Amino acid sequence: MPTIRPRHAITETPAVAQALENARLTWPQDKDRPSRLLLRLIEAGNEAISPEIERERRVRLETVRRTAGSFEYPDGYLENLRSEWP
């Protein structure tokens, strides 16, 4: 089917073959459509990892918020630092 979107090739390694077999058991209506099974596997994998990615993002943002402004340099710090440069 024509598309302007990028396409990706996947070699059926033993791990991919096993994933497809599991997908056939999970989605028997698509058992003869490996491309559809791969798409379903990708969607399921994305759903599985998305909550952890979002949790990590929230932790990073909270760390930035919590530490924002907490690093203070003494008066004249930059001038003193720059005086050491040629």
Protein backbone atom coordinates (compact mmCIF):
# COMPACT_ATOMS: atom_id res chain seq x y z
CA MET A 1 0.00 0.00 0.00
CA PRO A 2 1.49 3.39 -0.95
CA THR A 3 2.45 5.68 1.91
CA ILE A 4 4.69 8.65 2.62
CA ARG A 5 5.44 7.30 6.10
CA PRO A 6 8.70 5.51 6.88
CA ARG A 7 8.64 1.73 6.60
CA HIS A 8 10.61 -0.69 8.78
CA ALA A 9 11.86 -4.16 7.97
CA ILE A 10 11.97 -6.81 10.70
CA THR A 11 13.93 -10.04 10.35
CA GLU A 12 12.23 -13.05 11.88
CA THR A 13 14.81 -14.00 14.46
CA PRO A 14 13.98 -16.74 16.98
CA ALA A 15 12.77 -14.07 19.43
CA VAL A 16 10.54 -12.48 16.79
CA ALA A 17 9.21 -15.91 15.78
CA GLN A 18 8.34 -16.63 19.42
CA ALA A 19 6.66 -13.23 19.79
CA LEU A 20 4.61 -13.91 16.66
CA GLU A 21 3.59 -17.31 17.96
CA ASN A 22 2.47 -15.75 21.23
CA ALA A 23 0.63 -13.07 19.28
CA ARG A 24 -1.17 -15.74 17.23
CA LEU A 25 -2.43 -17.28 20.47
CA THR A 26 -3.45 -13.89 21.83
CA TRP A 27 -5.09 -12.56 18.65
CA PRO A 28 -6.21 -15.66 16.71
CA GLN A 29 -8.34 -13.55 14.37
CA ASP A 30 -5.07 -12.21 12.91
CA LYS A 31 -3.10 -15.48 13.00
CA ASP A 32 -2.46 -15.38 9.23
CA ARG A 33 -1.52 -11.69 9.17
CA PRO A 34 2.01 -11.35 10.60
CA SER A 35 2.19 -7.63 9.83
CA ARG A 36 -0.97 -7.05 11.84
CA LEU A 37 0.39 -9.21 14.66
CA LEU A 38 3.62 -7.20 14.72
CA LEU A 39 1.63 -3.99 14.88
CA ARG A 40 -0.41 -5.38 17.78
CA LEU A 41 2.79 -6.43 19.56
CA ILE A 42 4.25 -2.95 19.11
CA GLU A 43 1.08 -1.34 20.44
CA ALA A 44 0.98 -3.71 23.43
CA GLY A 45 4.66 -3.09 24.16
CA ASN A 46 4.16 0.65 24.01
CA GLU A 47 1.22 0.42 26.41
CA ALA A 48 3.36 -1.68 28.75
CA ILE A 49 6.31 0.73 28.91
CA SER A 50 4.48 4.07 28.73
CA PRO A 51 3.53 4.25 32.44
CA GLU A 52 7.16 3.75 33.52
CA ILE A 53 8.40 6.38 31.06
CA GLU A 54 5.78 8.82 32.35
CA ARG A 55 6.70 8.03 35.97
CA GLU A 56 10.39 8.69 35.26
CA ARG A 57 9.50 11.97 33.54
CA ARG A 58 7.48 13.08 36.57
CA VAL A 59 10.35 12.17 38.92
CA ARG A 60 12.83 14.18 36.83
CA LEU A 61 10.53 17.20 36.68
CA GLU A 62 9.90 17.05 40.42
CA THR A 63 13.65 16.89 41.05
CA VAL A 64 14.17 19.97 38.88
CA ARG A 65 11.36 21.81 40.67
CA ARG A 66 12.61 20.78 44.10
CA THR A 67 16.21 21.83 43.44
CA ALA A 68 15.53 24.95 41.34
CA GLY A 69 17.22 27.94 42.93
CA SER A 70 18.92 25.90 45.65
CA PHE A 71 22.41 26.34 44.23
CA GLU A 72 23.83 29.67 45.31
CA TYR A 73 27.26 31.03 44.56
CA PRO A 74 28.99 33.49 46.88
CA ASP A 75 29.09 37.16 45.95
CA GLY A 76 31.86 37.85 43.45
CA TYR A 77 32.12 34.20 42.41
CA LEU A 78 32.07 34.84 38.67
CA GLU A 79 34.42 37.83 38.88
CA ASN A 80 36.85 35.75 40.93
CA LEU A 81 36.61 32.85 38.49
CA ARG A 82 37.13 35.10 35.47
CA SER A 83 40.15 36.77 37.09
CA GLU A 84 41.96 33.42 36.83
CA TRP A 85 41.61 33.36 33.05
CA PRO A 86 44.27 34.93 30.82
